[in-house]
Amino acid sequence: MRHFKLLLVLLCGLLVTININADQQTIITDNGGWHATTRSLSSQPELYQNGDTIFIDSEYTLSNLNITIEDLSNNIIQSSTITVLGGEEYSYIVYAISGTYKVTLTQGSKSLYGYFTIE
């Protein structure tokens, strides 16, 4: 009986994890020259969204990475310089009302952008 309860708790935890990840939306990004000036990066960072949080994944550490959030009228809502450690997911909270926004990542001459919606 003790093993059954432990198995039930583990299964419930797995279901919660699956539901959380199912809510995460991939932000479609445009490769605006991310590979243009460096050969050390084999892949661009990936961006995901869950509610008002943007998650950034990168295989490599990205120092002095600027993240900018703009509304569709190109007004800057938020801008920060961050460091994303390679292999670790970085979470960035967007302080904005419901709407569609543009996120831009820039590091030196490399950049990419995508659009996301906060409901």
Protein backbone atom coordinates (compact mmCIF):
# COMPACT_ATOMS: atom_id res chain seq x y z
CA MET A 1 0.00 0.00 0.00
CA ARG A 2 2.87 2.37 0.80
CA HIS A 3 4.36 1.86 -2.68
CA PHE A 4 0.98 2.48 -4.28
CA LYS A 5 0.67 5.86 -2.53
CA LEU A 6 4.19 6.84 -3.58
CA LEU A 7 3.46 5.84 -7.17
CA LEU A 8 0.22 7.85 -7.11
CA VAL A 9 2.03 10.95 -5.81
CA LEU A 10 4.72 10.61 -8.50
CA LEU A 11 2.13 10.21 -11.26
CA CYS A 12 0.22 13.29 -10.07
CA GLY A 13 3.47 15.28 -10.07
CA LEU A 14 4.20 14.11 -13.62
CA LEU A 15 0.73 15.16 -14.80
CA VAL A 16 1.17 18.64 -13.31
CA THR A 17 4.56 18.95 -15.04
CA ILE A 18 3.08 17.90 -18.37
CA ASN A 19 0.26 20.43 -18.05
CA ILE A 20 2.66 23.26 -17.17
CA ASN A 21 4.86 22.49 -20.16
CA ALA A 22 1.82 22.17 -22.45
CA ASP A 23 0.97 25.83 -21.72
CA GLN A 24 4.39 26.98 -22.90
CA GLN A 25 4.32 28.55 -26.36
CA THR A 26 7.30 28.76 -28.70
CA ILE A 27 8.02 32.28 -29.84
CA ILE A 28 8.69 32.20 -33.57
CA THR A 29 11.95 34.01 -34.16
CA ASP A 30 13.54 35.46 -37.24
CA ASN A 31 17.25 34.82 -37.58
CA GLY A 32 18.38 38.41 -38.08
CA GLY A 33 22.04 37.53 -38.52
CA TRP A 34 22.67 35.63 -35.29
CA HIS A 35 25.38 33.58 -37.03
CA ALA A 36 26.75 36.38 -39.17
CA THR A 37 29.79 37.42 -37.15
CA THR A 38 30.79 34.46 -35.02
CA ARG A 39 31.59 30.84 -35.66
CA SER A 40 31.61 29.84 -32.00
CA LEU A 41 27.82 29.62 -31.76
CA SER A 42 26.34 26.61 -33.49
CA SER A 43 22.75 27.52 -32.73
CA GLN A 44 20.73 30.57 -31.82
CA PRO A 45 18.93 30.83 -28.48
CA GLU A 46 15.36 29.51 -28.27
CA LEU A 47 12.56 31.55 -26.74
CA TYR A 48 9.40 30.22 -25.13
CA GLN A 49 6.50 31.97 -23.44
CA ASN A 50 4.20 30.97 -20.61
CA GLY A 51 1.82 33.78 -19.61
CA ASP A 52 3.88 36.88 -18.84
CA THR A 53 7.21 35.04 -18.69
CA ILE A 54 9.70 34.62 -21.52
CA PHE A 55 12.08 31.66 -21.18
CA ILE A 56 15.42 31.77 -22.99
CA ASP A 57 17.42 28.60 -23.65
CA SER A 58 20.91 28.64 -25.08
CA GLU A 59 23.49 25.96 -25.56
CA TYR A 60 26.20 28.55 -24.83
CA THR A 61 26.56 31.32 -22.24
CA LEU A 62 25.39 34.65 -23.65
CA SER A 63 26.86 37.63 -21.81
CA ASN A 64 25.72 41.22 -22.36
CA LEU A 65 22.55 40.04 -24.05
CA ASN A 66 20.02 42.84 -24.47
CA ILE A 67 16.35 41.88 -24.33
CA THR A 68 13.82 44.47 -25.48
CA ILE A 69 10.03 44.23 -25.34
CA GLU A 70 8.07 46.54 -27.66
CA ASP A 71 4.39 46.98 -28.38
CA LEU A 72 3.16 46.84 -31.97
CA SER A 73 3.62 50.63 -32.30
CA ASN A 74 7.37 50.14 -31.60
CA ASN A 75 7.16 51.73 -28.14
CA ILE A 76 9.69 50.15 -25.78
CA ILE A 77 7.88 48.59 -22.84
CA GLN A 78 10.91 47.03 -21.18
CA SER A 79 14.63 46.64 -21.86
CA SER A 80 17.39 44.90 -19.89
CA THR A 81 20.90 43.56 -20.32
CA ILE A 82 21.16 40.00 -19.03
CA THR A 83 23.43 36.96 -19.00
CA VAL A 84 22.01 33.58 -20.01
CA LEU A 85 24.11 30.69 -18.75
CA GLY A 86 24.65 27.89 -21.25
CA GLY A 87 22.43 24.90 -20.61
CA GLU A 88 20.27 26.74 -18.05
CA GLU A 89 16.83 28.17 -18.79
CA TYR A 90 16.59 31.91 -18.06
CA SER A 91 13.20 33.35 -17.14
CA TYR A 92 12.33 36.98 -17.89
CA ILE A 93 9.07 38.44 -16.59
CA VAL A 94 7.29 40.91 -18.86
CA TYR A 95 5.44 43.66 -17.00
CA ALA A 96 2.74 44.49 -19.52
CA ILE A 97 -1.02 44.36 -19.97
CA SER A 98 -2.79 41.95 -22.32
CA GLY A 99 -1.71 42.36 -25.93
CA THR A 100 0.76 41.33 -28.61
CA TYR A 101 4.40 42.30 -28.24
CA LYS A 102 7.71 41.99 -30.03
CA VAL A 103 10.75 40.60 -28.20
CA THR A 104 14.22 41.30 -29.56
CA LEU A 105 17.46 39.73 -28.37
CA THR A 106 20.68 41.51 -29.33
CA GLN A 107 24.28 40.59 -28.59
CA GLY A 108 26.80 42.76 -30.41
CA SER A 109 25.86 42.63 -34.09
CA LYS A 110 23.73 39.49 -33.69
CA SER A 111 19.99 39.75 -33.16
CA LEU A 112 16.75 37.87 -33.43
CA TYR A 113 13.15 38.75 -32.73
CA GLY A 114 9.71 37.22 -32.40
CA TYR A 115 6.16 38.04 -31.38
CA PHE A 116 4.14 36.82 -28.41
CA THR A 117 0.76 37.51 -26.86
CA ILE A 118 -0.16 38.02 -23.22
CA GLU A 119 -3.79 37.20 -22.58
